[in-house]
C-alpha atoms as a PDB file:
ATOM      1  CA  MET A   1       0.154   0.280   0.472  1.00  0.00           C
ATOM      2  CA  CYS A   2       1.481   3.220  -0.798  1.00  0.00           C
ATOM      3  CA  PRO A   3      -0.664   6.079   0.458  1.00  0.00           C
ATOM      4  CA  PHE A   4      -1.133   9.542  -1.311  1.00  0.00           C
ATOM      5  CA  ASN A   5      -3.092  10.987   1.702  1.00  0.00           C
ATOM      6  CA  GLU A   6      -5.832  10.164   4.682  1.00  0.00           C
ATOM      7  CA  LYS A   7      -8.024   9.242   2.272  1.00  0.00           C
ATOM      8  CA  ARG A   8      -6.535   7.451  -0.566  1.00  0.00           C
ATOM      9  CA  ALA A   9      -3.763   4.815  -1.399  1.00  0.00           C
ATOM     10  CA  ALA A  10      -2.726   2.928  -4.115  1.00  0.00           C
ATOM     11  CA  LEU A  11      -2.516  -0.918  -3.444  1.00  0.00           C
ATOM     12  CA  ALA A  12      -0.323  -2.981  -5.872  1.00  0.00           C
ATOM     13  CA  LEU A  13      -0.803  -6.856  -6.193  1.00  0.00           C
ATOM     14  CA  VAL A  14       1.535  -8.907  -7.884  1.00  0.00           C
ATOM     15  CA  VAL A  15       0.884 -12.462  -8.866  1.00  0.00           C
ATOM     16  CA  THR A  16       3.191 -14.607 -10.696  1.00  0.00           C
ATOM     17  CA  GLU A  17       2.524 -17.264 -13.241  1.00  0.00           C
ATOM     18  CA  VAL A  18      -0.932 -16.696 -14.043  1.00  0.00           C
ATOM     19  CA  SER A  19      -2.837 -15.324 -17.017  1.00  0.00           C
ATOM     20  CA  GLU A  20      -4.541 -11.820 -16.898  1.00  0.00           C
ATOM     21  CA  LYS A  21      -7.930 -13.560 -16.544  1.00  0.00           C
ATOM     22  CA  GLU A  22      -6.584 -15.813 -13.436  1.00  0.00           C
ATOM     23  CA  VAL A  23      -5.639 -12.342 -11.476  1.00  0.00           C
ATOM     24  CA  ASP A  24      -9.336 -11.307 -10.001  1.00  0.00           C
ATOM     25  CA  PRO A  25      -9.594 -14.447  -7.215  1.00  0.00           C
ATOM     26  CA  TYR A  26      -6.364 -13.081  -6.152  1.00  0.00           C
ATOM     27  CA  TRP A  27      -7.628  -9.735  -5.698  1.00  0.00           C
ATOM     28  CA  GLU A  28     -10.469 -10.829  -3.971  1.00  0.00           C
ATOM     29  CA  LEU A  29      -9.128 -13.156  -1.482  1.00  0.00           C
ATOM     30  CA  PHE A  30      -6.228 -10.298  -0.785  1.00  0.00           C
ATOM     31  CA  LEU A  31      -9.140  -7.635  -0.044  1.00  0.00           C
ATOM     32  CA  PHE A  32     -11.098 -10.359   1.839  1.00  0.00           C
ATOM     33  CA  SER A  33      -7.816 -11.478   4.056  1.00  0.00           C
ATOM     34  CA  GLU A  34      -6.467  -7.702   4.665  1.00  0.00           C
ATOM     35  CA  ASN A  35     -10.337  -7.102   5.250  1.00  0.00           C
ATOM     36  CA  ILE A  36     -10.040  -3.874   2.592  1.00  0.00           C
ATOM     37  CA  LYS A  37     -13.537  -2.413   2.320  1.00  0.00           C
ATOM     38  CA  TYR A  38     -12.850   0.818   0.721  1.00  0.00           C
ATOM     39  CA  ASN A  39     -14.054   2.360  -2.466  1.00  0.00           C
ATOM     40  CA  ILE A  40     -12.013   1.402  -5.946  1.00  0.00           C
ATOM     41  CA  ILE A  41     -11.839   4.371  -7.611  1.00  0.00           C
ATOM     42  CA  GLU A  42      -9.759   2.938 -10.731  1.00  0.00           C
ATOM     43  CA  GLU A  43      -7.966  -0.272 -11.020  1.00  0.00           C
ATOM     44  CA  PHE A  44      -5.922  -1.822 -14.161  1.00  0.00           C
ATOM     45  CA  THR A  45      -4.029  -4.859 -14.704  1.00  0.00           C
ATOM     46  CA  LEU A  46      -0.394  -4.622 -15.829  1.00  0.00           C
ATOM     47  CA  ASN A  47       1.767  -7.885 -17.453  1.00  0.00           C
ATOM     48  CA  HIS A  48       5.629  -7.378 -16.240  1.00  0.00           C
ATOM     49  CA  SER A  49       8.238  -9.486 -17.243  1.00  0.00           C
ATOM     50  CA  SER A  50      11.671  -9.192 -16.380  1.00  0.00           C
ATOM     51  CA  GLY A  51      14.416 -11.347 -16.199  1.00  0.00           C
ATOM     52  CA  HIS A  52      18.402 -11.398 -16.354  1.00  0.00           C
ATOM     53  CA  VAL A  53      20.314  -9.823 -18.886  1.00  0.00           C
ATOM     54  CA  TYR A  54      23.947 -10.010 -20.173  1.00  0.00           C
ATOM     55  CA  PRO A  55      25.661  -8.583 -21.158  1.00  0.00           C
ATOM     56  CA  HIS A  56      24.945  -4.891 -19.132  1.00  0.00           C
ATOM     57  CA  LYS A  57      26.949  -2.800 -21.380  1.00  0.00           C
ATOM     58  CA  ILE A  58      26.793  -2.809 -25.114  1.00  0.00           C
ATOM     59  CA  ASP A  59      29.395  -0.165 -26.814  1.00  0.00           C
ATOM     60  CA  ASN A  60      28.454   2.924 -25.067  1.00  0.00           C
ATOM     61  CA  ILE A  61      25.386   1.811 -23.669  1.00  0.00           C
ATOM     62  CA  TYR A  62      24.914   0.763 -20.407  1.00  0.00           C
ATOM     63  CA  PHE A  63      21.774  -1.419 -19.043  1.00  0.00           C
ATOM     64  CA  ALA A  64      20.377  -0.340 -15.360  1.00  0.00           C
ATOM     65  CA  GLY A  65      17.363  -0.478 -13.377  1.00  0.00           C
ATOM     66  CA  ASN A  66      14.761  -2.540 -15.026  1.00  0.00           C
ATOM     67  CA  SER A  67      16.718  -2.758 -18.604  1.00  0.00           C
ATOM     68  CA  GLY A  68      19.226  -4.073 -16.714  1.00  0.00           C
ATOM     69  CA  GLY A  69      17.050  -7.121 -15.101  1.00  0.00           C
ATOM     70  CA  VAL A  70      17.593  -5.876 -11.715  1.00  0.00           C
ATOM     71  CA  ILE A  71      14.389  -5.862 -10.362  1.00  0.00           C
ATOM     72  CA  ASP A  72      14.322  -8.591  -7.480  1.00  0.00           C
ATOM     73  CA  PRO A  73      12.897 -11.823  -8.573  1.00  0.00           C
ATOM     74  CA  PHE A  74      11.815 -12.734  -5.168  1.00  0.00           C
ATOM     75  CA  LEU A  75       9.266  -9.667  -4.151  1.00  0.00           C
ATOM     76  CA  GLY A  76       9.556  -7.397  -7.154  1.00  0.00           C
ATOM     77  CA  PHE A  77      11.454  -4.447  -5.318  1.00  0.00           C
ATOM     78  CA  GLY A  78      14.365  -3.170  -7.187  1.00  0.00           C
ATOM     79  CA  ALA A  79      14.463   0.786  -6.810  1.00  0.00           C
ATOM     80  CA  MET A  80      17.898   0.773  -4.651  1.00  0.00           C
ATOM     81  CA  SER A  81      19.805  -1.632  -6.711  1.00  0.00           C
ATOM     82  CA  SER A  82      18.399   0.240  -9.827  1.00  0.00           C
ATOM     83  CA  VAL A  83      19.865   3.602  -7.895  1.00  0.00           C
ATOM     84  CA  ILE A  84      23.109   1.892  -7.097  1.00  0.00           C
ATOM     85  CA  MET A  85      23.594   0.298 -10.773  1.00  0.00           C
ATOM     86  CA  GLY A  86      23.232   3.937 -11.999  1.00  0.00           C
ATOM     87  CA  VAL A  87      25.810   5.187 -10.082  1.00  0.00           C
ATOM     88  CA  MET A  88      27.870   2.041 -10.941  1.00  0.00           C
ATOM     89  CA  ALA A  89      27.275   2.984 -14.574  1.00  0.00           C
ATOM     90  CA  GLY A  90      28.496   6.756 -14.252  1.00  0.00           C
ATOM     91  CA  ARG A  91      31.678   5.392 -12.596  1.00  0.00           C
ATOM     92  CA  SER A  92      32.421   3.069 -15.288  1.00  0.00           C
ATOM     93  CA  ILE A  93      32.018   6.007 -17.738  1.00  0.00           C
ATOM     94  CA  ALA A  94      33.907   8.428 -15.268  1.00  0.00           C
ATOM     95  CA  THR A  95      36.692   5.795 -14.348  1.00  0.00           C
ATOM     96  CA  GLY A  96      36.796   3.433 -17.204  1.00  0.00           C
ATOM     97  CA  LYS A  97      36.290   0.566 -14.712  1.00  0.00           C
ATOM     98  CA  ASP A  98      34.584  -2.775 -15.926  1.00  0.00           C
ATOM     99  CA  TYR A  99      30.910  -2.096 -15.199  1.00  0.00           C
ATOM    100  CA  GLU A 100      30.382  -6.004 -15.136  1.00  0.00           C
ATOM    101  CA  LYS A 101      32.431  -6.132 -12.299  1.00  0.00           C
ATOM    102  CA  LEU A 102      31.005  -3.176 -10.503  1.00  0.00           C
ATOM    103  CA  ILE A 103      27.751  -4.525 -10.412  1.00  0.00           C
ATOM    104  CA  SER A 104      28.560  -8.322 -10.197  1.00  0.00           C
ATOM    105  CA  ASN A 105      27.430  -7.879  -6.394  1.00  0.00           C
ATOM    106  CA  ILE A 106      23.679  -6.679  -7.436  1.00  0.00           C
ATOM    107  CA  VAL A 107      23.842  -9.567 -10.352  1.00  0.00           C
ATOM    108  CA  LYS A 108      24.643 -12.368  -8.019  1.00  0.00           C
ATOM    109  CA  SER A 109      21.934 -11.054  -5.089  1.00  0.00           C
ATOM    110  CA  ASN A 110      19.271 -11.324  -7.934  1.00  0.00           C
ATOM    111  CA  ILE A 111      20.225 -14.580  -9.201  1.00  0.00           C
ATOM    112  CA  ARG A 112      20.052 -16.026  -5.193  1.00  0.00           C
ATOM    113  CA  LEU A 113      16.735 -14.359  -4.864  1.00  0.00           C
ATOM    114  CA  HIS A 114      15.551 -16.114  -8.071  1.00  0.00           C
ATOM    115  CA  GLU A 115      16.335 -19.618  -6.357  1.00  0.00           C
ATOM    116  CA  PHE A 116      14.065 -18.283  -3.383  1.00  0.00           C
ATOM    117  CA  ARG A 117      11.248 -17.317  -5.689  1.00  0.00           C
ATOM    118  CA  LYS A 118      11.132 -20.818  -7.300  1.00  0.00           C
ATOM    119  CA  VAL A 119      10.939 -22.311  -3.771  1.00  0.00           C
ATOM    120  CA  PHE A 120       8.112 -20.096  -2.637  1.00  0.00           C
ATOM    121  CA  ASP A 121       5.994 -20.552  -5.828  1.00  0.00           C
ATOM    122  CA  MET A 122       6.038 -24.131  -5.394  1.00  0.00           C
ATOM    123  CA  SER A 123       5.159 -23.918  -1.367  1.00  0.00           C
ATOM    124  CA  SER A 124       1.988 -24.278   0.115  1.00  0.00           C
ATOM    125  CA  ASN A 125       0.491 -21.803   2.713  1.00  0.00           C
ATOM    126  CA  THR A 126       1.203 -23.922   5.666  1.00  0.00           C
ATOM    127  CA  ALA A 127       5.109 -24.174   4.632  1.00  0.00           C
ATOM    128  CA  TYR A 128       4.679 -20.297   4.498  1.00  0.00           C
ATOM    129  CA  ASP A 129       3.371 -20.278   8.221  1.00  0.00           C
ATOM    130  CA  VAL A 130       5.831 -22.810   9.201  1.00  0.00           C
ATOM    131  CA  LEU A 131       8.761 -20.623   7.906  1.00  0.00           C
ATOM    132  CA  MET A 132       7.414 -17.163   8.967  1.00  0.00           C
ATOM    133  CA  SER A 133       6.581 -18.647  12.626  1.00  0.00           C
ATOM    134  CA  SER A 134       9.876 -20.189  12.905  1.00  0.00           C
ATOM    135  CA  ILE A 135      11.561 -16.539  12.328  1.00  0.00           C
ATOM    136  CA  GLY A 136      10.999 -16.169  16.132  1.00  0.00           C
ATOM    137  CA  VAL A 137      11.937 -19.078  17.513  1.00  0.00           C
ATOM    138  CA  PRO A 138      15.344 -18.459  19.521  1.00  0.00           C
ATOM    139  CA  GLY A 139      18.348 -19.172  18.126  1.00  0.00           C
ATOM    140  CA  ILE A 140      17.003 -18.636  14.584  1.00  0.00           C
ATOM    141  CA  LYS A 141      16.087 -15.302  15.668  1.00  0.00           C
ATOM    142  CA  HIS A 142      19.180 -14.409  16.734  1.00  0.00           C
ATOM    143  CA  LEU A 143      20.998 -16.067  13.880  1.00  0.00           C
ATOM    144  CA  LEU A 144      18.779 -13.848  11.756  1.00  0.00           C
ATOM    145  CA  TYR A 145      18.934 -10.189  13.982  1.00  0.00           C
ATOM    146  CA  TYR A 146      22.028 -10.257  15.661  1.00  0.00           C
ATOM    147  CA  THR A 147      24.570 -11.719  13.207  1.00  0.00           C
ATOM    148  CA  PRO A 148      25.900 -11.223  10.339  1.00  0.00           C
ATOM    149  CA  PHE A 149      24.715 -14.101   8.275  1.00  0.00           C
ATOM    150  CA  ASN A 150      23.421 -13.395   4.892  1.00  0.00           C
ATOM    151  CA  VAL A 151      20.029 -15.406   4.661  1.00  0.00           C
ATOM    152  CA  VAL A 152      19.861 -14.177   0.642  1.00  0.00           C
ATOM    153  CA  LYS A 153      23.646 -15.849  -0.224  1.00  0.00           C
ATOM    154  CA  THR A 154      23.269 -18.742   1.799  1.00  0.00           C
ATOM    155  CA  GLY A 155      19.766 -19.725   1.312  1.00  0.00           C
ATOM    156  CA  GLY A 156      20.006 -18.706  -2.489  1.00  0.00           C
ATOM    157  CA  PHE A 157      22.882 -21.130  -2.463  1.00  0.00           C
ATOM    158  CA  ILE A 158      20.807 -24.040  -0.694  1.00  0.00           C
ATOM    159  CA  MET A 159      17.656 -23.444  -2.598  1.00  0.00           C
ATOM    160  CA  LYS A 160      19.050 -24.272  -5.768  1.00  0.00           C
ATOM    161  CA  TYR A 161      19.474 -27.670  -5.247  1.00  0.00           C
ATOM    162  CA  ILE A 162      15.639 -28.374  -3.753  1.00  0.00           C
ATOM    163  CA  PRO A 163      13.952 -30.078  -6.407  1.00  0.00           C
ATOM    164  CA  LYS A 164      11.163 -28.263  -8.071  1.00  0.00           C
ATOM    165  CA  LYS A 165       7.780 -29.701  -8.940  1.00  0.00           C
ATOM    166  CA  LYS A 166       7.068 -29.774 -12.752  1.00  0.00           C
ATOM    167  CA  LYS A 167       4.793 -27.784 -14.038  1.00  0.00           C
END
């Protein structure tokens, strides 16, 4: 939810691997689950595709942000990574440093997040509930909140070895 003022806001729902005709039941479930009973003034559906890009630089053209494939495949965000890629493109232009090397951490992170997305797409609501409740378990909570443990790096590595269900 992104509020415009006290009375108006924009709501966005990202649903993966469904056709445009299949989106409405997800909206209805979302509105019901969140007990949202406001008047809907306007709505639209946007089919968005994103993916990996390589190379990120061709001649004097630098691909950053969405065109650089940096939209987070797990939750659909990417503003901060997009800004960083823009800064790295400028740094590459100004200093002559290799753009691919400058953005390698962002690219690696997105590959790991893609592994999370694939596992989450095949999981059930029960599996989500177990995962979310386990975050508060002593030991796990400490590991996640009070240590430098990188969940994305380690989890992405592990998740690529989890068997995927066939479509």
